[in-house]
Amino acid sequence: MAIKRKEYRFRKGDILDIEEYHDGKYGDPGGKRLKRRKATPEDMIRVNKWNKEKRCRQRLLCYFSPGDLLLTWTYRVEERPPDMESALKDFQAALRKVRREYKKRGKSLFWIRNIERGTKGAWHIHLVVNEIGDSASIVEKAWTKGGTWLTEIKKSKFYDEDFTSLASYITKDEHSVETKADGTPGKPRLREASYNTSKNMPLPEPHVDKLVRWKKEVKPKKGYYIARIWEGINPKTGYKYRRVTQIRLNRRI
């Protein structure tokens, strides 16, 4: 059966994302097509969540650095929007101000945001923007509906080497739950969320190979170490898949 391997290279090859999976178009070595399984709603939620986190993380790696800004715009109680449509308009109005100031300085604005409404009715907007020297002042002046909390990405509790934690944090939605100390899932803390990014951040295409066989053990490339590894079963095909992140030992940047 066909086994595909996709390799994404980030930060000039310092970080590698490798995906390996059995091609669902093929069955046994004789070429018999597999019977497709019907994915459950829970399966689709997990797949959609992973895809959103994956694309967010890739954009963070391609367009942002640890010195860029992670900020939260909060609302005063009397300024809270009645619905998501109104919150989106508030965000767009503030973003126009930010973009105008970046343009004045001859800089491009890259951003990733998540508008969140909590289960108790509070609203806030998480936003990542690229630092251009006085970005903190720009984003503070742009938001007039409440407060602005901000920090450098590297100083936040969500910073790790390959931006996995930050991507998970900024893509939360009503299905996201935190794990309790005893390992059981907690209750959702969001009633709704709206995630989006600027349009000037295209993602790289991976290098694709076909493998002869499925390797039981994963070994890092020379000069790299394995930072993260996920293995599971595709709910549609019933076959294994694997995702591996490798990081260069002696990074150049």
C-alpha atoms as a PDB file:
ATOM      1  CA  MET A   1       0.000   0.000   0.000  1.00  0.00           C
ATOM      2  CA  ALA A   2       1.102   3.572  -0.528  1.00  0.00           C
ATOM      3  CA  ILE A   3       2.676   5.466   2.340  1.00  0.00           C
ATOM      4  CA  LYS A   4       3.093   9.212   1.952  1.00  0.00           C
ATOM      5  CA  ARG A   5       5.570  11.418   3.743  1.00  0.00           C
ATOM      6  CA  LYS A   6       5.271  15.196   3.811  1.00  0.00           C
ATOM      7  CA  GLU A   7       8.090  17.386   5.117  1.00  0.00           C
ATOM      8  CA  TYR A   8       7.661  21.069   5.927  1.00  0.00           C
ATOM      9  CA  ARG A   9      10.769  23.169   6.583  1.00  0.00           C
ATOM     10  CA  PHE A  10      10.605  26.275   8.773  1.00  0.00           C
ATOM     11  CA  ARG A  11      13.139  28.882   9.886  1.00  0.00           C
ATOM     12  CA  LYS A  12      15.663  27.918   7.180  1.00  0.00           C
ATOM     13  CA  GLY A  13      15.426  24.258   8.095  1.00  0.00           C
ATOM     14  CA  ASP A  14      15.880  24.676  11.842  1.00  0.00           C
ATOM     15  CA  ILE A  15      12.395  23.195  12.438  1.00  0.00           C
ATOM     16  CA  LEU A  16      11.003  20.247  10.457  1.00  0.00           C
ATOM     17  CA  ASP A  17       7.416  19.020  10.518  1.00  0.00           C
ATOM     18  CA  ILE A  18       7.025  15.524   9.106  1.00  0.00           C
ATOM     19  CA  GLU A  19       3.696  13.808   8.431  1.00  0.00           C
ATOM     20  CA  GLU A  20       3.498  10.133   7.492  1.00  0.00           C
ATOM     21  CA  TYR A  21       0.297   8.309   6.657  1.00  0.00           C
ATOM     22  CA  HIS A  22      -1.176   5.495   4.592  1.00  0.00           C
ATOM     23  CA  ASP A  23      -2.853   6.816   1.466  1.00  0.00           C
ATOM     24  CA  GLY A  24      -6.581   6.115   1.925  1.00  0.00           C
ATOM     25  CA  LYS A  25      -7.006   5.543  -1.818  1.00  0.00           C
ATOM     26  CA  TYR A  26      -5.342   2.175  -1.510  1.00  0.00           C
ATOM     27  CA  GLY A  27      -6.092  -0.966   0.411  1.00  0.00           C
ATOM     28  CA  ASP A  28      -4.077  -4.157   0.534  1.00  0.00           C
ATOM     29  CA  PRO A  29      -1.013  -4.792  -1.692  1.00  0.00           C
ATOM     30  CA  GLY A  30      -3.355  -6.067  -4.406  1.00  0.00           C
ATOM     31  CA  GLY A  31      -4.754  -2.575  -4.818  1.00  0.00           C
ATOM     32  CA  LYS A  32      -8.250  -3.179  -3.398  1.00  0.00           C
ATOM     33  CA  ARG A  33      -9.839   0.107  -2.432  1.00  0.00           C
ATOM     34  CA  LEU A  34     -10.693   0.457   1.263  1.00  0.00           C
ATOM     35  CA  LYS A  35     -14.272   0.867   2.358  1.00  0.00           C
ATOM     36  CA  ARG A  36     -14.621   4.402   3.641  1.00  0.00           C
ATOM     37  CA  ARG A  37     -15.728   4.878   7.224  1.00  0.00           C
ATOM     38  CA  LYS A  38     -18.187   7.563   8.217  1.00  0.00           C
ATOM     39  CA  ALA A  39     -16.486  10.034  10.528  1.00  0.00           C
ATOM     40  CA  THR A  40     -18.396  10.907  13.683  1.00  0.00           C
ATOM     41  CA  PRO A  41     -19.073  14.524  14.727  1.00  0.00           C
ATOM     42  CA  GLU A  42     -16.421  14.086  17.418  1.00  0.00           C
ATOM     43  CA  ASP A  43     -13.932  12.914  14.793  1.00  0.00           C
ATOM     44  CA  MET A  44     -14.607  16.001  12.681  1.00  0.00           C
ATOM     45  CA  ILE A  45     -14.208  18.336  15.667  1.00  0.00           C
ATOM     46  CA  ARG A  46     -10.796  16.801  16.425  1.00  0.00           C
ATOM     47  CA  VAL A  47      -9.678  16.966  12.779  1.00  0.00           C
ATOM     48  CA  ASN A  48     -10.844  20.565  12.344  1.00  0.00           C
ATOM     49  CA  LYS A  49      -9.164  21.592  15.587  1.00  0.00           C
ATOM     50  CA  TRP A  50      -5.879  19.987  14.562  1.00  0.00           C
ATOM     51  CA  ASN A  51      -5.947  21.534  11.081  1.00  0.00           C
ATOM     52  CA  LYS A  52      -6.627  24.996  12.492  1.00  0.00           C
ATOM     53  CA  GLU A  53      -3.821  24.684  15.049  1.00  0.00           C
ATOM     54  CA  LYS A  54      -1.478  23.312  12.382  1.00  0.00           C
ATOM     55  CA  ARG A  55      -2.009  26.218   9.986  1.00  0.00           C
ATOM     56  CA  CYS A  56      -1.797  28.755  12.817  1.00  0.00           C
ATOM     57  CA  ARG A  57       1.475  27.274  14.064  1.00  0.00           C
ATOM     58  CA  GLN A  58       2.933  27.229  10.557  1.00  0.00           C
ATOM     59  CA  ARG A  59       2.095  30.910  10.061  1.00  0.00           C
ATOM     60  CA  LEU A  60       3.617  31.737  13.430  1.00  0.00           C
ATOM     61  CA  LEU A  61       6.818  29.963  12.395  1.00  0.00           C
ATOM     62  CA  CYS A  62       6.920  31.630   8.974  1.00  0.00           C
ATOM     63  CA  TYR A  63       5.986  35.208   9.839  1.00  0.00           C
ATOM     64  CA  PHE A  64       6.604  35.811  13.554  1.00  0.00           C
ATOM     65  CA  SER A  65       9.496  35.677  15.992  1.00  0.00           C
ATOM     66  CA  PRO A  66       9.752  35.406  19.805  1.00  0.00           C
ATOM     67  CA  GLY A  67      10.168  39.202  20.010  1.00  0.00           C
ATOM     68  CA  ASP A  68       6.800  39.935  18.381  1.00  0.00           C
ATOM     69  CA  LEU A  69       3.731  40.872  20.432  1.00  0.00           C
ATOM     70  CA  LEU A  70       0.960  38.810  21.992  1.00  0.00           C
ATOM     71  CA  LEU A  71      -1.828  41.067  23.202  1.00  0.00           C
ATOM     72  CA  THR A  72      -5.377  40.978  24.500  1.00  0.00           C
ATOM     73  CA  TRP A  73      -7.959  43.678  23.959  1.00  0.00           C
ATOM     74  CA  THR A  74     -10.600  43.606  26.688  1.00  0.00           C
ATOM     75  CA  TYR A  75     -13.981  45.317  26.930  1.00  0.00           C
ATOM     76  CA  ARG A  76     -15.375  47.568  29.606  1.00  0.00           C
ATOM     77  CA  VAL A  77     -18.663  46.079  30.818  1.00  0.00           C
ATOM     78  CA  GLU A  78     -20.716  48.904  29.307  1.00  0.00           C
ATOM     79  CA  GLU A  79     -18.898  48.496  25.961  1.00  0.00           C
ATOM     80  CA  ARG A  80     -19.481  44.766  25.544  1.00  0.00           C
ATOM     81  CA  PRO A  81     -20.875  43.879  22.101  1.00  0.00           C
ATOM     82  CA  PRO A  82     -24.286  42.216  21.835  1.00  0.00           C
ATOM     83  CA  ASP A  83     -23.087  39.594  19.336  1.00  0.00           C
ATOM     84  CA  MET A  84     -20.109  38.340  17.326  1.00  0.00           C
ATOM     85  CA  GLU A  85     -20.972  40.512  14.316  1.00  0.00           C
ATOM     86  CA  SER A  86     -20.600  43.627  16.468  1.00  0.00           C
ATOM     87  CA  ALA A  87     -17.357  42.339  17.987  1.00  0.00           C
ATOM     88  CA  LEU A  88     -15.969  41.773  14.481  1.00  0.00           C
ATOM     89  CA  LYS A  89     -16.795  45.367  13.555  1.00  0.00           C
ATOM     90  CA  ASP A  90     -14.998  46.586  16.694  1.00  0.00           C
ATOM     91  CA  PHE A  91     -11.943  44.545  15.768  1.00  0.00           C
ATOM     92  CA  GLN A  92     -11.954  45.734  12.162  1.00  0.00           C
ATOM     93  CA  ALA A  93     -12.209  49.381  13.220  1.00  0.00           C
ATOM     94  CA  ALA A  94      -9.218  49.014  15.566  1.00  0.00           C
ATOM     95  CA  LEU A  95      -7.242  47.037  12.995  1.00  0.00           C
ATOM     96  CA  ARG A  96      -7.679  49.771  10.395  1.00  0.00           C
ATOM     97  CA  LYS A  97      -5.974  52.178  12.780  1.00  0.00           C
ATOM     98  CA  VAL A  98      -3.116  49.743  13.373  1.00  0.00           C
ATOM     99  CA  ARG A  99      -2.668  49.050   9.671  1.00  0.00           C
ATOM    100  CA  ARG A 100      -2.641  52.789   8.892  1.00  0.00           C
ATOM    101  CA  GLU A 101       0.181  53.384  11.389  1.00  0.00           C
ATOM    102  CA  TYR A 102       2.218  50.468  10.022  1.00  0.00           C
ATOM    103  CA  LYS A 103       1.764  51.815   6.496  1.00  0.00           C
ATOM    104  CA  LYS A 104       2.949  55.275   7.591  1.00  0.00           C
ATOM    105  CA  ARG A 105       6.184  53.628   8.735  1.00  0.00           C
ATOM    106  CA  GLY A 106       6.560  51.645   5.517  1.00  0.00           C
ATOM    107  CA  LYS A 107       5.959  48.309   7.288  1.00  0.00           C
ATOM    108  CA  SER A 108       3.750  45.322   6.523  1.00  0.00           C
ATOM    109  CA  LEU A 109       1.294  44.211   9.214  1.00  0.00           C
ATOM    110  CA  PHE A 110       1.000  40.505   9.953  1.00  0.00           C
ATOM    111  CA  TRP A 111      -1.676  39.434  12.421  1.00  0.00           C
ATOM    112  CA  ILE A 112      -3.469  36.418  13.883  1.00  0.00           C
ATOM    113  CA  ARG A 113      -6.501  36.907  16.089  1.00  0.00           C
ATOM    114  CA  ASN A 114      -9.221  35.105  18.010  1.00  0.00           C
ATOM    115  CA  ILE A 115     -12.334  36.910  19.257  1.00  0.00           C
ATOM    116  CA  GLU A 116     -13.701  35.057  22.286  1.00  0.00           C
ATOM    117  CA  ARG A 117     -16.950  35.240  24.224  1.00  0.00           C
ATOM    118  CA  GLY A 118     -16.781  33.517  27.591  1.00  0.00           C
ATOM    119  CA  THR A 119     -19.521  31.382  29.102  1.00  0.00           C
ATOM    120  CA  LYS A 120     -20.201  34.188  31.597  1.00  0.00           C
ATOM    121  CA  GLY A 121     -20.640  36.820  28.900  1.00  0.00           C
ATOM    122  CA  ALA A 122     -17.251  38.583  28.901  1.00  0.00           C
ATOM    123  CA  TRP A 123     -15.607  39.364  25.550  1.00  0.00           C
ATOM    124  CA  HIS A 124     -11.952  39.749  24.625  1.00  0.00           C
ATOM    125  CA  ILE A 125      -9.711  39.596  21.556  1.00  0.00           C
ATOM    126  CA  HIS A 126      -6.364  37.786  21.474  1.00  0.00           C
ATOM    127  CA  LEU A 127      -4.031  39.163  18.827  1.00  0.00           C
ATOM    128  CA  VAL A 128      -0.501  38.443  17.609  1.00  0.00           C
ATOM    129  CA  VAL A 129       1.226  41.200  15.608  1.00  0.00           C
ATOM    130  CA  ASN A 130       4.735  41.692  14.294  1.00  0.00           C
ATOM    131  CA  GLU A 131       6.852  44.192  16.235  1.00  0.00           C
ATOM    132  CA  ILE A 132       8.094  47.188  14.211  1.00  0.00           C
ATOM    133  CA  GLY A 133       9.608  49.298  17.018  1.00  0.00           C
ATOM    134  CA  ASP A 134       6.618  51.099  18.531  1.00  0.00           C
ATOM    135  CA  SER A 135       3.908  48.468  18.000  1.00  0.00           C
ATOM    136  CA  ALA A 136       2.897  48.497  21.679  1.00  0.00           C
ATOM    137  CA  SER A 137       1.970  52.171  21.502  1.00  0.00           C
ATOM    138  CA  ILE A 138       0.139  51.676  18.201  1.00  0.00           C
ATOM    139  CA  VAL A 139      -2.103  48.825  19.394  1.00  0.00           C
ATOM    140  CA  GLU A 140      -2.873  50.542  22.703  1.00  0.00           C
ATOM    141  CA  LYS A 141      -4.010  53.731  20.994  1.00  0.00           C
ATOM    142  CA  ALA A 142      -6.070  51.805  18.446  1.00  0.00           C
ATOM    143  CA  TRP A 143      -8.310  50.108  21.046  1.00  0.00           C
ATOM    144  CA  THR A 144     -10.838  52.375  22.801  1.00  0.00           C
ATOM    145  CA  LYS A 145     -13.396  49.833  24.087  1.00  0.00           C
ATOM    146  CA  GLY A 146     -11.435  48.772  27.172  1.00  0.00           C
ATOM    147  CA  GLY A 147      -7.946  47.752  28.230  1.00  0.00           C
ATOM    148  CA  THR A 148      -4.916  46.380  26.404  1.00  0.00           C
ATOM    149  CA  TRP A 149      -2.718  43.693  27.927  1.00  0.00           C
ATOM    150  CA  LEU A 150       0.419  42.878  25.986  1.00  0.00           C
ATOM    151  CA  THR A 151       3.766  41.138  26.179  1.00  0.00           C
ATOM    152  CA  GLU A 152       6.455  39.764  23.901  1.00  0.00           C
ATOM    153  CA  ILE A 153       5.737  36.243  22.716  1.00  0.00           C
ATOM    154  CA  LYS A 154       8.915  34.936  24.389  1.00  0.00           C
ATOM    155  CA  LYS A 155       7.826  36.380  27.758  1.00  0.00           C
ATOM    156  CA  SER A 156       4.364  34.756  27.719  1.00  0.00           C
ATOM    157  CA  LYS A 157       3.536  31.452  29.380  1.00  0.00           C
ATOM    158  CA  PHE A 158       2.513  30.137  25.965  1.00  0.00           C
ATOM    159  CA  TYR A 159       5.973  30.388  24.421  1.00  0.00           C
ATOM    160  CA  ASP A 160       7.828  27.282  23.330  1.00  0.00           C
ATOM    161  CA  GLU A 161      10.456  26.689  20.667  1.00  0.00           C
ATOM    162  CA  ASP A 162       8.107  25.692  17.857  1.00  0.00           C
ATOM    163  CA  PHE A 163       5.037  27.789  18.845  1.00  0.00           C
ATOM    164  CA  THR A 164       2.836  24.739  19.552  1.00  0.00           C
ATOM    165  CA  SER A 165       1.431  26.109  22.816  1.00  0.00           C
ATOM    166  CA  LEU A 166       0.740  29.555  21.373  1.00  0.00           C
ATOM    167  CA  ALA A 167      -1.090  28.067  18.373  1.00  0.00           C
ATOM    168  CA  SER A 168      -3.264  25.989  20.690  1.00  0.00           C
ATOM    169  CA  TYR A 169      -3.993  29.013  22.882  1.00  0.00           C
ATOM    170  CA  ILE A 170      -4.963  31.411  20.107  1.00  0.00           C
ATOM    171  CA  THR A 171      -7.219  28.951  18.238  1.00  0.00           C
ATOM    172  CA  LYS A 172      -9.474  28.030  21.165  1.00  0.00           C
ATOM    173  CA  ASP A 173     -13.213  27.708  20.558  1.00  0.00           C
ATOM    174  CA  GLU A 174     -16.372  26.457  22.238  1.00  0.00           C
ATOM    175  CA  HIS A 175     -15.129  22.857  21.990  1.00  0.00           C
ATOM    176  CA  SER A 176     -11.826  23.543  23.774  1.00  0.00           C
ATOM    177  CA  VAL A 177     -11.479  22.297  27.334  1.00  0.00           C
ATOM    178  CA  GLU A 178      -8.617  22.351  29.801  1.00  0.00           C
ATOM    179  CA  THR A 179      -7.444  19.167  31.484  1.00  0.00           C
ATOM    180  CA  LYS A 180      -7.890  19.080  35.261  1.00  0.00           C
ATOM    181  CA  ALA A 181      -5.155  18.082  37.682  1.00  0.00           C
ATOM    182  CA  ASP A 182      -6.622  14.555  37.879  1.00  0.00           C
ATOM    183  CA  GLY A 183      -6.446  14.193  34.088  1.00  0.00           C
ATOM    184  CA  THR A 184     -10.177  14.533  33.415  1.00  0.00           C
ATOM    185  CA  PRO A 185     -11.514  17.183  30.987  1.00  0.00           C
ATOM    186  CA  GLY A 186     -12.970  20.368  32.425  1.00  0.00           C
ATOM    187  CA  LYS A 187     -15.923  22.370  31.178  1.00  0.00           C
ATOM    188  CA  PRO A 188     -15.669  24.614  28.094  1.00  0.00           C
ATOM    189  CA  ARG A 189     -14.862  28.221  29.038  1.00  0.00           C
ATOM    190  CA  LEU A 190     -15.966  29.794  25.760  1.00  0.00           C
ATOM    191  CA  ARG A 191     -19.452  30.219  24.382  1.00  0.00           C
ATOM    192  CA  GLU A 192     -18.183  31.136  20.908  1.00  0.00           C
ATOM    193  CA  ALA A 193     -15.038  32.232  19.095  1.00  0.00           C
ATOM    194  CA  SER A 194     -13.972  33.661  15.732  1.00  0.00           C
ATOM    195  CA  TYR A 195     -10.448  32.922  14.464  1.00  0.00           C
ATOM    196  CA  ASN A 196      -8.796  34.618  11.486  1.00  0.00           C
ATOM    197  CA  THR A 197      -5.453  35.817  10.080  1.00  0.00           C
ATOM    198  CA  SER A 198      -4.187  38.486   7.726  1.00  0.00           C
ATOM    199  CA  LYS A 199      -4.260  37.500   4.058  1.00  0.00           C
ATOM    200  CA  ASN A 200      -0.598  38.299   3.359  1.00  0.00           C
ATOM    201  CA  MET A 201       0.758  35.104   4.957  1.00  0.00           C
ATOM    202  CA  PRO A 202       0.756  32.247   2.403  1.00  0.00           C
ATOM    203  CA  LEU A 203       1.963  28.878   3.675  1.00  0.00           C
ATOM    204  CA  PRO A 204       4.827  26.864   2.147  1.00  0.00           C
ATOM    205  CA  GLU A 205       4.187  23.680   0.194  1.00  0.00           C
ATOM    206  CA  PRO A 206       5.685  20.507   1.697  1.00  0.00           C
ATOM    207  CA  HIS A 207       8.144  18.168   0.014  1.00  0.00           C
ATOM    208  CA  VAL A 208       6.267  14.916  -0.653  1.00  0.00           C
ATOM    209  CA  ASP A 209       7.797  11.436  -0.854  1.00  0.00           C
ATOM    210  CA  LYS A 210       6.406   7.921  -1.073  1.00  0.00           C
ATOM    211  CA  LEU A 211       7.808   5.369   1.370  1.00  0.00           C
ATOM    212  CA  VAL A 212       8.238   1.648   0.803  1.00  0.00           C
ATOM    213  CA  ARG A 213       7.146   0.622   4.278  1.00  0.00           C
ATOM    214  CA  TRP A 214       5.886   1.964   7.584  1.00  0.00           C
ATOM    215  CA  LYS A 215       8.741   2.391  10.057  1.00  0.00           C
ATOM    216  CA  LYS A 216       7.892   1.326  13.588  1.00  0.00           C
ATOM    217  CA  GLU A 217      10.604   3.487  15.152  1.00  0.00           C
ATOM    218  CA  VAL A 218      11.269   7.127  14.337  1.00  0.00           C
ATOM    219  CA  LYS A 219      14.839   8.372  14.425  1.00  0.00           C
ATOM    220  CA  PRO A 220      15.876  12.028  14.138  1.00  0.00           C
ATOM    221  CA  LYS A 221      17.874  13.315  11.220  1.00  0.00           C
ATOM    222  CA  LYS A 222      21.556  13.876  11.881  1.00  0.00           C
ATOM    223  CA  GLY A 223      21.976  17.140  13.776  1.00  0.00           C
ATOM    224  CA  TYR A 224      18.350  17.226  14.974  1.00  0.00           C
ATOM    225  CA  TYR A 225      16.355  16.018  17.964  1.00  0.00           C
ATOM    226  CA  ILE A 226      12.705  14.955  18.148  1.00  0.00           C
ATOM    227  CA  ALA A 227      10.756  17.627  19.978  1.00  0.00           C
ATOM    228  CA  ARG A 228       7.255  16.192  19.568  1.00  0.00           C
ATOM    229  CA  ILE A 229       5.670  13.081  18.141  1.00  0.00           C
ATOM    230  CA  TRP A 230       2.014  12.158  17.682  1.00  0.00           C
ATOM    231  CA  GLU A 231       0.716   8.799  16.496  1.00  0.00           C
ATOM    232  CA  GLY A 232      -2.867   7.725  15.971  1.00  0.00           C
ATOM    233  CA  ILE A 233      -5.409   5.957  13.783  1.00  0.00           C
ATOM    234  CA  ASN A 234      -7.194   7.705  10.940  1.00  0.00           C
ATOM    235  CA  PRO A 235     -10.920   7.263  11.720  1.00  0.00           C
ATOM    236  CA  LYS A 236     -11.794   6.990   8.018  1.00  0.00           C
ATOM    237  CA  THR A 237      -9.176   4.505   6.829  1.00  0.00           C
ATOM    238  CA  GLY A 238      -8.355   2.676  10.029  1.00  0.00           C
ATOM    239  CA  TYR A 239      -4.645   3.090   9.267  1.00  0.00           C
ATOM    240  CA  LYS A 240      -1.904   4.680  11.354  1.00  0.00           C
ATOM    241  CA  TYR A 241      -0.668   8.208  10.916  1.00  0.00           C
ATOM    242  CA  ARG A 242       2.276   9.991  12.485  1.00  0.00           C
ATOM    243  CA  ARG A 243       3.338  13.619  12.977  1.00  0.00           C
ATOM    244  CA  VAL A 244       6.869  14.449  14.095  1.00  0.00           C
ATOM    245  CA  THR A 245       8.573  17.758  14.865  1.00  0.00           C
ATOM    246  CA  GLN A 246      12.377  17.786  14.724  1.00  0.00           C
ATOM    247  CA  ILE A 247      14.525  20.755  15.759  1.00  0.00           C
ATOM    248  CA  ARG A 248      18.124  21.411  14.781  1.00  0.00           C
ATOM    249  CA  LEU A 249      20.571  21.060  17.670  1.00  0.00           C
ATOM    250  CA  ASN A 250      22.754  23.979  16.564  1.00  0.00           C
ATOM    251  CA  ARG A 251      20.216  26.475  15.268  1.00  0.00           C
ATOM    252  CA  ARG A 252      21.318  29.349  13.064  1.00  0.00           C
ATOM    253  CA  ILE A 253      18.559  31.796  14.076  1.00  0.00           C
END
